């Protein structure tokens, strides 16, 4: 069963194509998991992309359980932007910022 759209304008597919063009290869199972997470959490495309990006940044690879957990938190907290996601990451001590003096 396929969970994803084949529309040309699908932002998730576009992001995966961009990453592929840059040399990042994600298998079909990752693609399907992105859409599974979207459907199971009722997330927006933007929330999916933000959770996917942060998952890969923080885990160094795609970790499905981390992605779904993060996506659930973004949906619950109505996180819709990179800035909101970054604040969430800081609040939950997932990232640290260096203070330049």
N, C-alpha and C. Protein backbone atom coordinates (compact mmCIF):
# COMPACT_ATOMS: atom_id res chain seq x y z
N UNK A 1 0.84 -1.19 0.00
CA UNK A 1 0.00 0.00 0.00
C UNK A 1 0.88 1.24 0.00
N UNK A 2 0.56 2.18 -0.83
CA UNK A 2 1.31 3.42 -0.89
C UNK A 2 0.57 4.50 -0.12
N UNK A 3 1.32 5.21 0.71
CA UNK A 3 0.72 6.25 1.54
C UNK A 3 0.92 7.64 0.95
N UNK A 4 1.71 7.73 -0.10
CA UNK A 4 2.10 9.05 -0.56
C UNK A 4 1.44 9.41 -1.88
N UNK A 5 1.43 10.68 -2.11
CA UNK A 5 0.84 11.24 -3.31
C UNK A 5 1.85 11.21 -4.44
N UNK A 6 1.36 11.09 -5.64
CA UNK A 6 2.24 11.14 -6.81
C UNK A 6 2.10 12.46 -7.54
N UNK A 7 1.46 13.42 -6.92
CA UNK A 7 1.29 14.73 -7.53
C UNK A 7 2.64 15.41 -7.71
N UNK A 8 2.77 16.15 -8.80
CA UNK A 8 4.01 16.87 -9.09
C UNK A 8 4.33 17.91 -8.02
N UNK A 9 3.31 18.54 -7.44
CA UNK A 9 3.53 19.65 -6.52
C UNK A 9 3.63 19.21 -5.06
N UNK A 10 3.73 17.93 -4.81
CA UNK A 10 3.79 17.43 -3.44
C UNK A 10 5.12 17.87 -2.80
N UNK A 11 5.06 18.69 -1.73
CA UNK A 11 6.29 19.21 -1.13
C UNK A 11 7.18 18.12 -0.52
N UNK A 12 6.59 17.05 -0.04
CA UNK A 12 7.39 15.98 0.54
C UNK A 12 8.18 15.27 -0.56
N UNK A 13 7.51 14.96 -1.65
CA UNK A 13 8.20 14.33 -2.78
C UNK A 13 9.28 15.25 -3.34
N UNK A 14 8.98 16.53 -3.40
CA UNK A 14 9.95 17.50 -3.91
C UNK A 14 11.20 17.54 -3.02
N UNK A 15 11.00 17.53 -1.71
CA UNK A 15 12.13 17.54 -0.77
C UNK A 15 12.97 16.28 -0.94
N UNK A 16 12.33 15.13 -1.09
CA UNK A 16 13.07 13.89 -1.29
C UNK A 16 13.85 13.91 -2.61
N UNK A 17 13.26 14.51 -3.65
CA UNK A 17 13.98 14.65 -4.94
C UNK A 17 15.18 15.58 -4.79
N UNK A 18 15.00 16.68 -4.07
CA UNK A 18 16.11 17.61 -3.85
C UNK A 18 17.25 16.93 -3.10
N UNK A 19 16.91 16.19 -2.07
CA UNK A 19 17.93 15.47 -1.30
C UNK A 19 18.62 14.41 -2.16
N UNK A 20 17.85 13.73 -2.99
CA UNK A 20 18.42 12.73 -3.89
C UNK A 20 19.41 13.38 -4.84
N UNK A 21 19.05 14.54 -5.38
CA UNK A 21 19.94 15.27 -6.29
C UNK A 21 21.23 15.70 -5.60
N UNK A 22 21.19 15.89 -4.29
CA UNK A 22 22.37 16.28 -3.51
C UNK A 22 23.16 15.06 -3.02
N UNK A 23 22.69 13.86 -3.37
CA UNK A 23 23.42 12.66 -3.00
C UNK A 23 22.88 11.90 -1.80
N UNK A 24 21.80 12.38 -1.23
CA UNK A 24 21.20 11.69 -0.08
C UNK A 24 20.16 10.71 -0.61
N UNK A 25 20.32 9.46 -0.26
CA UNK A 25 19.41 8.42 -0.76
C UNK A 25 18.59 7.84 0.39
N UNK A 26 17.29 7.95 0.24
CA UNK A 26 16.38 7.36 1.21
C UNK A 26 15.52 6.35 0.46
N UNK A 27 15.41 5.17 1.01
CA UNK A 27 14.65 4.11 0.36
C UNK A 27 13.15 4.33 0.40
N UNK A 28 12.47 3.47 -0.31
CA UNK A 28 11.01 3.53 -0.38
C UNK A 28 10.37 3.41 1.00
N UNK A 29 11.00 2.64 1.88
CA UNK A 29 10.42 2.47 3.22
C UNK A 29 10.42 3.79 3.99
N UNK A 30 11.43 4.63 3.80
CA UNK A 30 11.47 5.94 4.46
C UNK A 30 10.37 6.82 3.89
N UNK A 31 10.25 6.84 2.58
CA UNK A 31 9.21 7.63 1.92
C UNK A 31 7.83 7.22 2.46
N UNK A 32 7.56 5.93 2.49
CA UNK A 32 6.27 5.47 2.98
C UNK A 32 6.07 5.81 4.46
N UNK A 33 7.14 5.75 5.24
CA UNK A 33 7.04 6.07 6.66
C UNK A 33 6.72 7.55 6.86
N UNK A 34 7.27 8.41 6.01
CA UNK A 34 6.95 9.84 6.11
C UNK A 34 5.45 10.06 5.94
N UNK A 35 4.88 9.39 4.96
CA UNK A 35 3.45 9.55 4.70
C UNK A 35 2.60 8.83 5.76
N UNK A 36 3.07 7.71 6.23
CA UNK A 36 2.37 7.02 7.32
C UNK A 36 2.29 7.95 8.53
N UNK A 37 3.40 8.58 8.90
CA UNK A 37 3.42 9.51 10.02
C UNK A 37 2.48 10.68 9.80
N UNK A 38 2.47 11.19 8.58
CA UNK A 38 1.59 12.31 8.25
C UNK A 38 0.13 11.92 8.46
N UNK A 39 -0.24 10.76 7.94
CA UNK A 39 -1.63 10.32 8.06
C UNK A 39 -2.02 9.96 9.49
N UNK A 40 -1.12 9.31 10.20
CA UNK A 40 -1.46 8.85 11.55
C UNK A 40 -1.51 9.98 12.57
N UNK A 41 -0.83 11.09 12.29
CA UNK A 41 -0.84 12.22 13.22
C UNK A 41 -1.67 13.40 12.72
N UNK A 42 -2.17 13.29 11.50
CA UNK A 42 -2.91 14.39 10.88
C UNK A 42 -2.04 15.64 10.75
N UNK A 43 -0.78 15.44 10.41
CA UNK A 43 0.18 16.54 10.31
C UNK A 43 0.09 17.22 8.95
N UNK A 44 0.55 18.45 8.91
CA UNK A 44 0.66 19.17 7.64
C UNK A 44 1.94 18.73 6.93
N UNK A 45 2.03 19.03 5.65
CA UNK A 45 3.26 18.74 4.90
C UNK A 45 4.45 19.44 5.55
N UNK A 46 4.25 20.66 5.97
CA UNK A 46 5.33 21.43 6.58
C UNK A 46 5.82 20.78 7.87
N UNK A 47 4.89 20.31 8.70
CA UNK A 47 5.28 19.63 9.93
C UNK A 47 6.06 18.35 9.62
N UNK A 48 5.65 17.62 8.59
CA UNK A 48 6.37 16.42 8.18
C UNK A 48 7.79 16.76 7.77
N UNK A 49 7.94 17.80 6.96
CA UNK A 49 9.27 18.18 6.48
C UNK A 49 10.17 18.65 7.62
N UNK A 50 9.62 19.40 8.53
CA UNK A 50 10.41 19.88 9.67
C UNK A 50 10.82 18.71 10.56
N UNK A 51 9.89 17.81 10.86
CA UNK A 51 10.22 16.65 11.69
C UNK A 51 11.23 15.74 11.00
N UNK A 52 11.10 15.55 9.70
CA UNK A 52 12.03 14.74 8.93
C UNK A 52 13.44 15.35 8.98
N UNK A 53 13.52 16.64 8.73
CA UNK A 53 14.81 17.34 8.73
C UNK A 53 15.49 17.24 10.09
N UNK A 54 14.74 17.52 11.16
CA UNK A 54 15.32 17.46 12.50
C UNK A 54 15.69 16.03 12.89
N UNK A 55 14.91 15.07 12.47
CA UNK A 55 15.24 13.68 12.76
C UNK A 55 16.59 13.31 12.18
N UNK A 56 16.79 13.65 10.93
CA UNK A 56 18.06 13.32 10.27
C UNK A 56 19.22 14.11 10.87
N UNK A 57 18.98 15.38 11.18
CA UNK A 57 20.03 16.20 11.81
C UNK A 57 20.46 15.65 13.16
N UNK A 58 19.50 15.29 13.98
CA UNK A 58 19.81 14.86 15.34
C UNK A 58 20.24 13.41 15.45
N UNK A 59 19.71 12.55 14.58
CA UNK A 59 20.01 11.13 14.66
C UNK A 59 21.11 10.69 13.69
N UNK A 60 21.41 11.53 12.72
CA UNK A 60 22.43 11.19 11.72
C UNK A 60 21.93 10.26 10.64
N UNK A 61 20.71 9.81 10.78
CA UNK A 61 20.04 8.95 9.81
C UNK A 61 18.56 9.04 10.08
N UNK A 62 17.76 8.34 9.29
CA UNK A 62 16.33 8.37 9.55
C UNK A 62 15.98 7.33 10.61
N UNK A 63 15.38 7.78 11.70
CA UNK A 63 14.92 6.92 12.79
C UNK A 63 13.41 7.09 12.88
N UNK A 64 12.68 6.08 12.44
CA UNK A 64 11.23 6.18 12.35
C UNK A 64 10.53 6.49 13.65
N UNK A 65 10.95 5.86 14.73
CA UNK A 65 10.26 6.11 16.00
C UNK A 65 10.54 7.53 16.50
N UNK A 66 11.76 8.02 16.31
CA UNK A 66 12.09 9.39 16.70
C UNK A 66 11.26 10.37 15.86
N UNK A 67 11.18 10.11 14.56
CA UNK A 67 10.42 10.96 13.64
C UNK A 67 8.95 11.06 14.06
N UNK A 68 8.32 9.92 14.32
CA UNK A 68 6.89 9.93 14.68
C UNK A 68 6.69 10.64 16.01
N UNK A 69 7.56 10.41 16.97
CA UNK A 69 7.45 11.08 18.26
C UNK A 69 7.57 12.59 18.08
N UNK A 70 8.54 13.02 17.30
CA UNK A 70 8.74 14.44 17.05
C UNK A 70 7.54 15.03 16.31
N UNK A 71 7.07 14.31 15.32
CA UNK A 71 5.91 14.76 14.55
C UNK A 71 4.68 14.89 15.45
N UNK A 72 4.46 13.94 16.33
CA UNK A 72 3.34 14.03 17.27
C UNK A 72 3.46 15.27 18.14
N UNK A 73 4.68 15.55 18.60
CA UNK A 73 4.90 16.74 19.44
C UNK A 73 4.65 18.02 18.64
N UNK A 74 5.07 18.05 17.38
CA UNK A 74 4.84 19.23 16.55
C UNK A 74 3.35 19.44 16.29
N UNK A 75 2.62 18.38 16.05
CA UNK A 75 1.18 18.50 15.82
C UNK A 75 0.49 18.97 17.10
N UNK A 76 0.83 18.35 18.21
CA UNK A 76 0.22 18.72 19.49
C UNK A 76 0.51 20.17 19.84
N UNK A 77 1.74 20.62 19.61
CA UNK A 77 2.12 21.99 19.93
C UNK A 77 1.86 22.98 18.82
N UNK A 78 1.27 22.51 17.73
CA UNK A 78 0.96 23.34 16.57
C UNK A 78 2.20 24.03 16.00
N UNK A 79 3.31 23.32 16.02
CA UNK A 79 4.56 23.83 15.44
C UNK A 79 4.42 23.84 13.92
N UNK A 80 4.62 25.02 13.33
CA UNK A 80 4.45 25.15 11.88
C UNK A 80 5.66 25.76 11.18
N UNK A 81 6.65 26.20 11.93
CA UNK A 81 7.79 26.86 11.29
C UNK A 81 9.10 26.30 11.84
N UNK A 82 10.17 26.55 11.11
CA UNK A 82 11.50 26.15 11.55
C UNK A 82 11.85 26.82 12.88
N UNK A 83 11.46 28.09 13.02
CA UNK A 83 11.76 28.83 14.25
C UNK A 83 11.05 28.20 15.45
N UNK A 84 9.79 27.86 15.28
CA UNK A 84 9.05 27.21 16.37
C UNK A 84 9.67 25.85 16.69
N UNK A 85 10.08 25.13 15.67
CA UNK A 85 10.71 23.82 15.89
C UNK A 85 12.02 23.98 16.65
N UNK A 86 12.81 24.98 16.28
CA UNK A 86 14.07 25.22 16.96
C UNK A 86 13.85 25.55 18.43
N UNK A 87 12.86 26.37 18.72
CA UNK A 87 12.54 26.69 20.12
C UNK A 87 12.09 25.44 20.87
N UNK A 88 11.32 24.59 20.21
CA UNK A 88 10.92 23.33 20.82
C UNK A 88 12.15 22.49 21.15
N UNK A 89 13.08 22.42 20.21
CA UNK A 89 14.30 21.63 20.41
C UNK A 89 15.12 22.17 21.58
N UNK A 90 15.22 23.48 21.67
CA UNK A 90 15.95 24.09 22.77
C UNK A 90 15.25 23.81 24.10
N UNK A 91 13.95 24.00 24.14
CA UNK A 91 13.17 23.80 25.36
C UNK A 91 13.31 22.37 25.87
N UNK A 92 13.39 21.42 24.97
CA UNK A 92 13.48 20.00 25.35
C UNK A 92 14.93 19.50 25.36
N UNK A 93 15.87 20.44 25.31
CA UNK A 93 17.30 20.14 25.42
C UNK A 93 17.78 19.15 24.37
N UNK A 94 17.23 19.27 23.17
CA UNK A 94 17.68 18.43 22.06
C UNK A 94 18.78 19.12 21.26
N UNK A 95 18.84 20.43 21.37
CA UNK A 95 19.92 21.21 20.76
C UNK A 95 20.38 22.27 21.74
N UNK A 96 21.59 22.69 21.56
CA UNK A 96 22.12 23.78 22.37
C UNK A 96 22.60 24.87 21.43
N UNK A 97 22.53 26.08 21.91
CA UNK A 97 23.05 27.19 21.12
C UNK A 97 24.25 27.76 21.86
N UNK A 98 25.19 28.17 21.07
CA UNK A 98 26.36 28.81 21.65
C UNK A 98 26.10 30.30 21.74
N UNK A 99 26.42 30.87 22.86
CA UNK A 99 26.26 32.31 23.05
C UNK A 99 27.57 32.97 22.67
N UNK A 100 27.50 33.78 21.63
CA UNK A 100 28.68 34.50 21.17
C UNK A 100 28.80 35.80 21.94
N UNK A 101 29.97 36.03 22.48
CA UNK A 101 30.16 37.27 23.24
C UNK A 101 31.17 38.15 22.56
